[in-house]
Amino acid sequence: MTSLHPLLIAAAVPAELAIIKERLSGKKTLHLGPIELHTGNIHGQEAATLVTGPGNVNMAGGLGVVLSLFQPRAVFLTGCGGAFDGTGLAFGDVAVATEEIHGQLGVEDWKKAGLVHPLDFLENRITLDRTLIQKANEVLVKQGRRTDFKVFNGPFLTVATVTSRNETVSLYRKRYQPIVENMEGFAAAALCRRHVVPMVELRAVSNRVGQKDRNTWRLELAFERAQEGVLKMLEHGVI
């Protein structure tokens, strides 16, 4: 890496970064123990891609190594996500997180299964950078008009277990009013805040929260739309 201040684009699995990785010019690979970074340039900006593996633990492990060694100008977290009913989000729509909430961090309610109460000493909500959200939204809304998808902003809910019970979905909606469920966002937000690195999280909808038949999920569409969104933000210099 020729600079200590690239734009870092992170995701859980390789398919969520494959298109972006192909767009890197002057590509190099950097090994940090088991962590692999692909670096290069996109739209005249130095960038690096990081695949961490799915879930908060993998995201914290991979991103933690990188942020301890380098100081990126910003982190783009991207990938797919599940949309909560009642939000208006449809397959392939794009959402930008206004905050990250860990829905399973706290103490379980002893009366109601699936309900977790936050603890005073264990924060479970992190607000994301408002300026970046606004800039991202302006770029993405214009792109969406051209390519027929909608753009939403709202709270994202991070879980360790994909939600499938309607009762749990209802509990999350009532307590947090989330628009998207994911498995890595809270860890990324917590690490970026600790290292004082701005972060924007963009995900495209692959499924509805509680949609049990995975054959109906639109993963490839979500992977493509989310990466198109990140590339458009890079093109327009959101950071």
C-alpha atoms as a PDB file:
ATOM      1  CA  MET A   1       0.000   0.000   0.000  1.00  0.00           C
ATOM      2  CA  THR A   2       1.478   3.314  -1.055  1.00  0.00           C
ATOM      3  CA  SER A   3      -0.378   5.337   1.550  1.00  0.00           C
ATOM      4  CA  LEU A   4      -1.582   4.867   5.085  1.00  0.00           C
ATOM      5  CA  HIS A   5      -4.851   6.602   4.223  1.00  0.00           C
ATOM      6  CA  PRO A   6      -6.779   4.579   1.612  1.00  0.00           C
ATOM      7  CA  LEU A   7     -10.519   4.167   1.433  1.00  0.00           C
ATOM      8  CA  LEU A   8     -11.274   0.772   2.965  1.00  0.00           C
ATOM      9  CA  ILE A   9     -14.193  -1.194   1.524  1.00  0.00           C
ATOM     10  CA  ALA A  10     -15.207  -4.113   3.715  1.00  0.00           C
ATOM     11  CA  ALA A  11     -17.748  -6.915   3.379  1.00  0.00           C
ATOM     12  CA  ALA A  12     -18.451 -10.331   4.839  1.00  0.00           C
ATOM     13  CA  VAL A  13     -18.030 -12.620   1.823  1.00  0.00           C
ATOM     14  CA  PRO A  14     -16.061 -12.445  -1.472  1.00  0.00           C
ATOM     15  CA  ALA A  15     -19.151 -12.126  -3.696  1.00  0.00           C
ATOM     16  CA  GLU A  16     -20.026  -8.861  -1.939  1.00  0.00           C
ATOM     17  CA  LEU A  17     -16.757  -7.305  -3.184  1.00  0.00           C
ATOM     18  CA  ALA A  18     -16.047  -9.166  -6.450  1.00  0.00           C
ATOM     19  CA  ILE A  19     -17.190  -6.349  -8.763  1.00  0.00           C
ATOM     20  CA  ILE A  20     -15.312  -3.677  -6.811  1.00  0.00           C
ATOM     21  CA  LYS A  21     -12.172  -5.809  -6.697  1.00  0.00           C
ATOM     22  CA  GLU A  22     -12.259  -6.151 -10.502  1.00  0.00           C
ATOM     23  CA  ARG A  23     -12.415  -2.357 -10.846  1.00  0.00           C
ATOM     24  CA  LEU A  24      -9.184  -1.830  -8.916  1.00  0.00           C
ATOM     25  CA  SER A  25      -6.378  -0.676 -11.212  1.00  0.00           C
ATOM     26  CA  GLY A  26      -2.745  -1.307 -10.307  1.00  0.00           C
ATOM     27  CA  LYS A  27      -3.966  -4.027  -7.998  1.00  0.00           C
ATOM     28  CA  LYS A  28      -1.680  -5.446  -5.323  1.00  0.00           C
ATOM     29  CA  THR A  29      -2.249  -7.960  -2.560  1.00  0.00           C
ATOM     30  CA  LEU A  30      -1.131  -7.299   0.986  1.00  0.00           C
ATOM     31  CA  HIS A  31      -1.034 -10.100   3.577  1.00  0.00           C
ATOM     32  CA  LEU A  32      -1.420  -9.214   7.248  1.00  0.00           C
ATOM     33  CA  GLY A  33      -1.152 -12.658   8.805  1.00  0.00           C
ATOM     34  CA  PRO A  34      -4.394 -14.408   7.809  1.00  0.00           C
ATOM     35  CA  ILE A  35      -5.895 -11.105   6.633  1.00  0.00           C
ATOM     36  CA  GLU A  36      -5.693 -10.308   2.914  1.00  0.00           C
ATOM     37  CA  LEU A  37      -6.110  -6.813   1.461  1.00  0.00           C
ATOM     38  CA  HIS A  38      -6.432  -6.022  -2.228  1.00  0.00           C
ATOM     39  CA  THR A  39      -5.260  -2.487  -2.928  1.00  0.00           C
ATOM     40  CA  GLY A  40      -5.333  -0.257  -5.996  1.00  0.00           C
ATOM     41  CA  ASN A  41      -7.086   2.767  -7.442  1.00  0.00           C
ATOM     42  CA  ILE A  42     -10.723   3.456  -8.327  1.00  0.00           C
ATOM     43  CA  HIS A  43     -11.725   6.748  -9.910  1.00  0.00           C
ATOM     44  CA  GLY A  44      -8.349   8.215  -8.977  1.00  0.00           C
ATOM     45  CA  GLN A  45      -8.649   7.280  -5.309  1.00  0.00           C
ATOM     46  CA  GLU A  46      -6.514   4.757  -3.475  1.00  0.00           C
ATOM     47  CA  ALA A  47      -8.713   2.001  -2.115  1.00  0.00           C
ATOM     48  CA  ALA A  48      -8.417  -1.365  -0.405  1.00  0.00           C
ATOM     49  CA  THR A  49     -10.924  -4.217  -0.181  1.00  0.00           C
ATOM     50  CA  LEU A  50     -11.259  -6.463   2.858  1.00  0.00           C
ATOM     51  CA  VAL A  51     -13.291  -9.685   3.112  1.00  0.00           C
ATOM     52  CA  THR A  52     -13.668 -10.491   6.795  1.00  0.00           C
ATOM     53  CA  GLY A  53     -15.987 -13.475   6.876  1.00  0.00           C
ATOM     54  CA  PRO A  54     -19.598 -13.330   8.092  1.00  0.00           C
ATOM     55  CA  GLY A  55     -20.719 -12.248  11.538  1.00  0.00           C
ATOM     56  CA  ASN A  56     -19.592  -9.794  14.187  1.00  0.00           C
ATOM     57  CA  VAL A  57     -16.676 -11.912  15.391  1.00  0.00           C
ATOM     58  CA  ASN A  58     -15.109 -12.193  11.942  1.00  0.00           C
ATOM     59  CA  MET A  59     -15.734  -8.525  11.188  1.00  0.00           C
ATOM     60  CA  ALA A  60     -14.162  -7.442  14.467  1.00  0.00           C
ATOM     61  CA  GLY A  61     -11.153  -9.718  13.921  1.00  0.00           C
ATOM     62  CA  GLY A  62     -10.437  -8.683  10.348  1.00  0.00           C
ATOM     63  CA  LEU A  63     -11.262  -5.002  10.572  1.00  0.00           C
ATOM     64  CA  GLY A  64      -9.525  -4.724  13.940  1.00  0.00           C
ATOM     65  CA  VAL A  65      -6.223  -5.874  12.434  1.00  0.00           C
ATOM     66  CA  VAL A  66      -6.434  -3.384   9.579  1.00  0.00           C
ATOM     67  CA  LEU A  67      -7.466  -0.409  11.715  1.00  0.00           C
ATOM     68  CA  SER A  68      -4.661  -1.155  14.166  1.00  0.00           C
ATOM     69  CA  LEU A  69      -2.052  -0.952  11.386  1.00  0.00           C
ATOM     70  CA  PHE A  70      -3.489   1.677   9.044  1.00  0.00           C
ATOM     71  CA  GLN A  71      -5.632   4.788   9.331  1.00  0.00           C
ATOM     72  CA  PRO A  72      -8.105   4.691   6.428  1.00  0.00           C
ATOM     73  CA  ARG A  73      -9.740   7.957   5.423  1.00  0.00           C
ATOM     74  CA  ALA A  74     -13.061   6.157   5.744  1.00  0.00           C
ATOM     75  CA  VAL A  75     -14.626   2.707   5.804  1.00  0.00           C
ATOM     76  CA  PHE A  76     -17.361   1.638   3.403  1.00  0.00           C
ATOM     77  CA  LEU A  77     -19.208  -1.398   4.766  1.00  0.00           C
ATOM     78  CA  THR A  78     -21.297  -3.104   2.106  1.00  0.00           C
ATOM     79  CA  GLY A  79     -23.178  -6.289   1.305  1.00  0.00           C
ATOM     80  CA  CYS A  80     -26.671  -7.699   1.463  1.00  0.00           C
ATOM     81  CA  GLY A  81     -29.309  -7.436   4.146  1.00  0.00           C
ATOM     82  CA  GLY A  82     -32.813  -8.451   5.074  1.00  0.00           C
ATOM     83  CA  ALA A  83     -35.602  -5.865   4.899  1.00  0.00           C
ATOM     84  CA  PHE A  84     -38.178  -5.537   7.655  1.00  0.00           C
ATOM     85  CA  ASP A  85     -41.810  -5.539   6.532  1.00  0.00           C
ATOM     86  CA  GLY A  86     -43.510  -2.179   6.594  1.00  0.00           C
ATOM     87  CA  THR A  87     -40.419  -0.243   5.526  1.00  0.00           C
ATOM     88  CA  GLY A  88     -41.231  -0.127   1.809  1.00  0.00           C
ATOM     89  CA  LEU A  89     -37.936  -1.822   0.937  1.00  0.00           C
ATOM     90  CA  ALA A  90     -38.100  -4.344  -1.914  1.00  0.00           C
ATOM     91  CA  PHE A  91     -35.601  -6.776  -3.438  1.00  0.00           C
ATOM     92  CA  GLY A  92     -32.631  -4.864  -4.860  1.00  0.00           C
ATOM     93  CA  ASP A  93     -33.429  -1.607  -3.099  1.00  0.00           C
ATOM     94  CA  VAL A  94     -30.524   0.117  -1.363  1.00  0.00           C
ATOM     95  CA  ALA A  95     -30.388   1.237   2.267  1.00  0.00           C
ATOM     96  CA  VAL A  96     -27.884   3.413   4.114  1.00  0.00           C
ATOM     97  CA  ALA A  97     -27.600   2.977   7.879  1.00  0.00           C
ATOM     98  CA  THR A  98     -28.231   5.947  10.165  1.00  0.00           C
ATOM     99  CA  GLU A  99     -27.259   3.894  13.213  1.00  0.00           C
ATOM    100  CA  GLU A 100     -26.226   0.351  14.097  1.00  0.00           C
ATOM    101  CA  ILE A 101     -28.088  -1.531  16.816  1.00  0.00           C
ATOM    102  CA  HIS A 102     -27.076  -4.877  18.304  1.00  0.00           C
ATOM    103  CA  GLY A 103     -30.393  -6.575  18.959  1.00  0.00           C
ATOM    104  CA  GLN A 104     -28.963  -9.459  20.973  1.00  0.00           C
ATOM    105  CA  LEU A 105     -26.549  -7.573  23.233  1.00  0.00           C
ATOM    106  CA  GLY A 106     -27.878  -7.319  26.778  1.00  0.00           C
ATOM    107  CA  VAL A 107     -29.914  -9.486  29.116  1.00  0.00           C
ATOM    108  CA  GLU A 108     -32.704 -11.805  28.019  1.00  0.00           C
ATOM    109  CA  ASP A 109     -36.201 -11.045  29.277  1.00  0.00           C
ATOM    110  CA  TRP A 110     -37.154 -13.844  31.641  1.00  0.00           C
ATOM    111  CA  LYS A 111     -40.808 -13.746  30.569  1.00  0.00           C
ATOM    112  CA  LYS A 112     -40.724 -13.216  26.813  1.00  0.00           C
ATOM    113  CA  ALA A 113     -38.543 -15.322  24.479  1.00  0.00           C
ATOM    114  CA  GLY A 114     -36.497 -13.321  21.989  1.00  0.00           C
ATOM    115  CA  LEU A 115     -36.683 -10.024  23.891  1.00  0.00           C
ATOM    116  CA  VAL A 116     -33.309  -8.650  25.047  1.00  0.00           C
ATOM    117  CA  HIS A 117     -32.967  -5.586  27.257  1.00  0.00           C
ATOM    118  CA  PRO A 118     -29.908  -3.313  26.912  1.00  0.00           C
ATOM    119  CA  LEU A 119     -27.609  -2.945  29.915  1.00  0.00           C
ATOM    120  CA  ASP A 120     -26.360   0.422  31.186  1.00  0.00           C
ATOM    121  CA  PHE A 121     -22.713  -0.652  30.958  1.00  0.00           C
ATOM    122  CA  LEU A 122     -23.052  -2.427  27.590  1.00  0.00           C
ATOM    123  CA  GLU A 123     -23.970  -0.015  24.810  1.00  0.00           C
ATOM    124  CA  ASN A 124     -25.936  -1.512  21.946  1.00  0.00           C
ATOM    125  CA  ARG A 125     -26.572   1.529  19.680  1.00  0.00           C
ATOM    126  CA  ILE A 126     -24.074   3.546  17.616  1.00  0.00           C
ATOM    127  CA  THR A 127     -25.028   6.582  15.513  1.00  0.00           C
ATOM    128  CA  LEU A 128     -23.211   6.832  12.187  1.00  0.00           C
ATOM    129  CA  ASP A 129     -21.716   9.873  10.432  1.00  0.00           C
ATOM    130  CA  ARG A 130     -24.592  12.167   9.391  1.00  0.00           C
ATOM    131  CA  THR A 131     -22.555  14.075   6.794  1.00  0.00           C
ATOM    132  CA  LEU A 132     -21.550  10.879   4.990  1.00  0.00           C
ATOM    133  CA  ILE A 133     -25.142   9.614   5.105  1.00  0.00           C
ATOM    134  CA  GLN A 134     -26.397  12.796   3.476  1.00  0.00           C
ATOM    135  CA  LYS A 135     -23.724  12.752   0.757  1.00  0.00           C
ATOM    136  CA  ALA A 136     -24.289   9.056   0.051  1.00  0.00           C
ATOM    137  CA  ASN A 137     -28.029   9.563  -0.144  1.00  0.00           C
ATOM    138  CA  GLU A 138     -27.720  12.382  -2.686  1.00  0.00           C
ATOM    139  CA  VAL A 139     -25.573  10.252  -4.989  1.00  0.00           C
ATOM    140  CA  LEU A 140     -27.599   7.058  -4.609  1.00  0.00           C
ATOM    141  CA  VAL A 141     -31.005   8.655  -5.157  1.00  0.00           C
ATOM    142  CA  LYS A 142     -29.822   9.980  -8.535  1.00  0.00           C
ATOM    143  CA  GLN A 143     -28.446   6.569  -9.471  1.00  0.00           C
ATOM    144  CA  GLY A 144     -31.639   4.846  -8.340  1.00  0.00           C
ATOM    145  CA  ARG A 145     -33.751   6.998 -10.638  1.00  0.00           C
ATOM    146  CA  ARG A 146     -31.661   5.831 -13.585  1.00  0.00           C
ATOM    147  CA  THR A 147     -31.507   2.145 -12.697  1.00  0.00           C
ATOM    148  CA  ASP A 148     -34.921   1.658 -11.079  1.00  0.00           C
ATOM    149  CA  PHE A 149     -34.283   1.097  -7.389  1.00  0.00           C
ATOM    150  CA  LYS A 150     -35.237   3.058  -4.292  1.00  0.00           C
ATOM    151  CA  VAL A 151     -32.928   4.397  -1.584  1.00  0.00           C
ATOM    152  CA  PHE A 152     -33.792   4.341   2.117  1.00  0.00           C
ATOM    153  CA  ASN A 153     -32.111   5.607   5.294  1.00  0.00           C
ATOM    154  CA  GLY A 154     -32.733   4.208   8.758  1.00  0.00           C
ATOM    155  CA  PRO A 155     -31.514   2.093  11.666  1.00  0.00           C
ATOM    156  CA  PHE A 156     -29.831  -1.232  10.914  1.00  0.00           C
ATOM    157  CA  LEU A 157     -30.140  -4.150  13.318  1.00  0.00           C
ATOM    158  CA  THR A 158     -27.164  -6.477  13.809  1.00  0.00           C
ATOM    159  CA  VAL A 159     -27.854 -10.044  14.930  1.00  0.00           C
ATOM    160  CA  ALA A 160     -25.813 -13.179  15.490  1.00  0.00           C
ATOM    161  CA  THR A 161     -28.703 -15.395  14.386  1.00  0.00           C
ATOM    162  CA  VAL A 162     -30.763 -14.767  11.253  1.00  0.00           C
ATOM    163  CA  THR A 163     -34.290 -13.986  12.415  1.00  0.00           C
ATOM    164  CA  SER A 164     -36.984 -16.429  11.281  1.00  0.00           C
ATOM    165  CA  ARG A 165     -39.785 -16.282  13.912  1.00  0.00           C
ATOM    166  CA  ASN A 166     -42.535 -13.733  13.302  1.00  0.00           C
ATOM    167  CA  GLU A 167     -42.702 -13.073  17.034  1.00  0.00           C
ATOM    168  CA  THR A 168     -39.034 -12.058  17.106  1.00  0.00           C
ATOM    169  CA  VAL A 169     -39.473  -9.850  14.038  1.00  0.00           C
ATOM    170  CA  SER A 170     -42.334  -8.059  15.805  1.00  0.00           C
ATOM    171  CA  LEU A 171     -40.260  -7.566  18.965  1.00  0.00           C
ATOM    172  CA  TYR A 172     -37.404  -5.999  17.002  1.00  0.00           C
ATOM    173  CA  ARG A 173     -39.733  -3.722  15.063  1.00  0.00           C
ATOM    174  CA  LYS A 174     -41.511  -2.531  18.194  1.00  0.00           C
ATOM    175  CA  ARG A 175     -38.327  -1.821  20.159  1.00  0.00           C
ATOM    176  CA  TYR A 176     -35.981  -0.424  17.485  1.00  0.00           C
ATOM    177  CA  GLN A 177     -37.934   0.390  14.279  1.00  0.00           C
ATOM    178  CA  PRO A 178     -35.094  -1.037  12.118  1.00  0.00           C
ATOM    179  CA  ILE A 179     -35.230  -1.152   8.342  1.00  0.00           C
ATOM    180  CA  VAL A 180     -32.495  -3.739   7.641  1.00  0.00           C
ATOM    181  CA  GLU A 181     -31.104  -6.793   9.449  1.00  0.00           C
ATOM    182  CA  ASN A 182     -27.438  -7.747   9.048  1.00  0.00           C
ATOM    183  CA  MET A 183     -24.693  -9.633  10.900  1.00  0.00           C
ATOM    184  CA  GLU A 184     -21.578  -7.405  10.857  1.00  0.00           C
ATOM    185  CA  GLY A 185     -22.531  -3.742  11.096  1.00  0.00           C
ATOM    186  CA  PHE A 186     -22.379  -3.199  14.837  1.00  0.00           C
ATOM    187  CA  ALA A 187     -18.846  -4.579  15.113  1.00  0.00           C
ATOM    188  CA  ALA A 188     -17.651  -2.390  12.240  1.00  0.00           C
ATOM    189  CA  ALA A 189     -19.310   0.701  13.695  1.00  0.00           C
ATOM    190  CA  ALA A 190     -17.831   0.077  17.145  1.00  0.00           C
ATOM    191  CA  LEU A 191     -14.302  -0.374  15.777  1.00  0.00           C
ATOM    192  CA  CYS A 192     -14.518   2.663  13.501  1.00  0.00           C
ATOM    193  CA  ARG A 193     -15.680   4.803  16.394  1.00  0.00           C
ATOM    194  CA  ARG A 194     -12.853   3.528  18.588  1.00  0.00           C
ATOM    195  CA  HIS A 195     -10.263   4.306  15.895  1.00  0.00           C
ATOM    196  CA  VAL A 196     -11.931   7.627  14.960  1.00  0.00           C
ATOM    197  CA  VAL A 197     -12.533   6.564  11.347  1.00  0.00           C
ATOM    198  CA  PRO A 198     -15.754   7.685   9.605  1.00  0.00           C
ATOM    199  CA  MET A 199     -17.915   4.849   8.309  1.00  0.00           C
ATOM    200  CA  VAL A 200     -20.816   4.587   5.899  1.00  0.00           C
ATOM    201  CA  GLU A 201     -22.798   1.342   5.624  1.00  0.00           C
ATOM    202  CA  LEU A 202     -24.689   0.549   2.436  1.00  0.00           C
ATOM    203  CA  ARG A 203     -26.614  -2.657   1.873  1.00  0.00           C
ATOM    204  CA  ALA A 204     -29.003  -3.906  -0.788  1.00  0.00           C
ATOM    205  CA  VAL A 205     -32.015  -6.050   0.018  1.00  0.00           C
ATOM    206  CA  SER A 206     -31.701  -9.770  -0.649  1.00  0.00           C
ATOM    207  CA  ASN A 207     -34.632 -11.018   1.454  1.00  0.00           C
ATOM    208  CA  ARG A 208     -37.354 -10.110   3.909  1.00  0.00           C
ATOM    209  CA  VAL A 209     -36.607 -10.595   7.602  1.00  0.00           C
ATOM    210  CA  GLY A 210     -38.376 -13.800   8.586  1.00  0.00           C
ATOM    211  CA  GLN A 211     -38.393 -15.148   5.007  1.00  0.00           C
ATOM    212  CA  LYS A 212     -37.647 -18.790   5.749  1.00  0.00           C
ATOM    213  CA  ASP A 213     -37.253 -20.219   2.239  1.00  0.00           C
ATOM    214  CA  ARG A 214     -33.732 -19.247   1.180  1.00  0.00           C
ATOM    215  CA  ASN A 215     -34.531 -20.260  -2.403  1.00  0.00           C
ATOM    216  CA  THR A 216     -36.525 -17.024  -2.637  1.00  0.00           C
ATOM    217  CA  TRP A 217     -33.606 -14.819  -1.565  1.00  0.00           C
ATOM    218  CA  ARG A 218     -32.097 -12.553  -4.265  1.00  0.00           C
ATOM    219  CA  LEU A 219     -28.471 -12.590  -3.179  1.00  0.00           C
ATOM    220  CA  GLU A 220     -26.839 -11.931  -6.551  1.00  0.00           C
ATOM    221  CA  LEU A 221     -29.081  -8.919  -7.185  1.00  0.00           C
ATOM    222  CA  ALA A 222     -28.259  -7.522  -3.741  1.00  0.00           C
ATOM    223  CA  PHE A 223     -24.511  -8.069  -4.180  1.00  0.00           C
ATOM    224  CA  GLU A 224     -24.569  -6.260  -7.532  1.00  0.00           C
ATOM    225  CA  ARG A 225     -26.716  -3.317  -6.419  1.00  0.00           C
ATOM    226  CA  ALA A 226     -24.724  -2.681  -3.253  1.00  0.00           C
ATOM    227  CA  GLN A 227     -21.407  -2.670  -5.106  1.00  0.00           C
ATOM    228  CA  GLU A 228     -22.810  -0.406  -7.823  1.00  0.00           C
ATOM    229  CA  GLY A 229     -23.783   1.980  -5.052  1.00  0.00           C
ATOM    230  CA  VAL A 230     -20.317   1.998  -3.523  1.00  0.00           C
ATOM    231  CA  LEU A 231     -18.695   2.532  -6.918  1.00  0.00           C
ATOM    232  CA  LYS A 232     -21.017   5.440  -7.635  1.00  0.00           C
ATOM    233  CA  MET A 233     -20.127   7.027  -4.286  1.00  0.00           C
ATOM    234  CA  LEU A 234     -16.435   6.677  -5.117  1.00  0.00           C
ATOM    235  CA  GLU A 235     -16.984   8.172  -8.554  1.00  0.00           C
ATOM    236  CA  HIS A 236     -18.666  11.231  -7.043  1.00  0.00           C
ATOM    237  CA  GLY A 237     -16.156  11.650  -4.231  1.00  0.00           C
ATOM    238  CA  VAL A 238     -18.491  11.102  -1.276  1.00  0.00           C
ATOM    239  CA  ILE A 239     -15.323  10.863   0.859  1.00  0.00           C
END
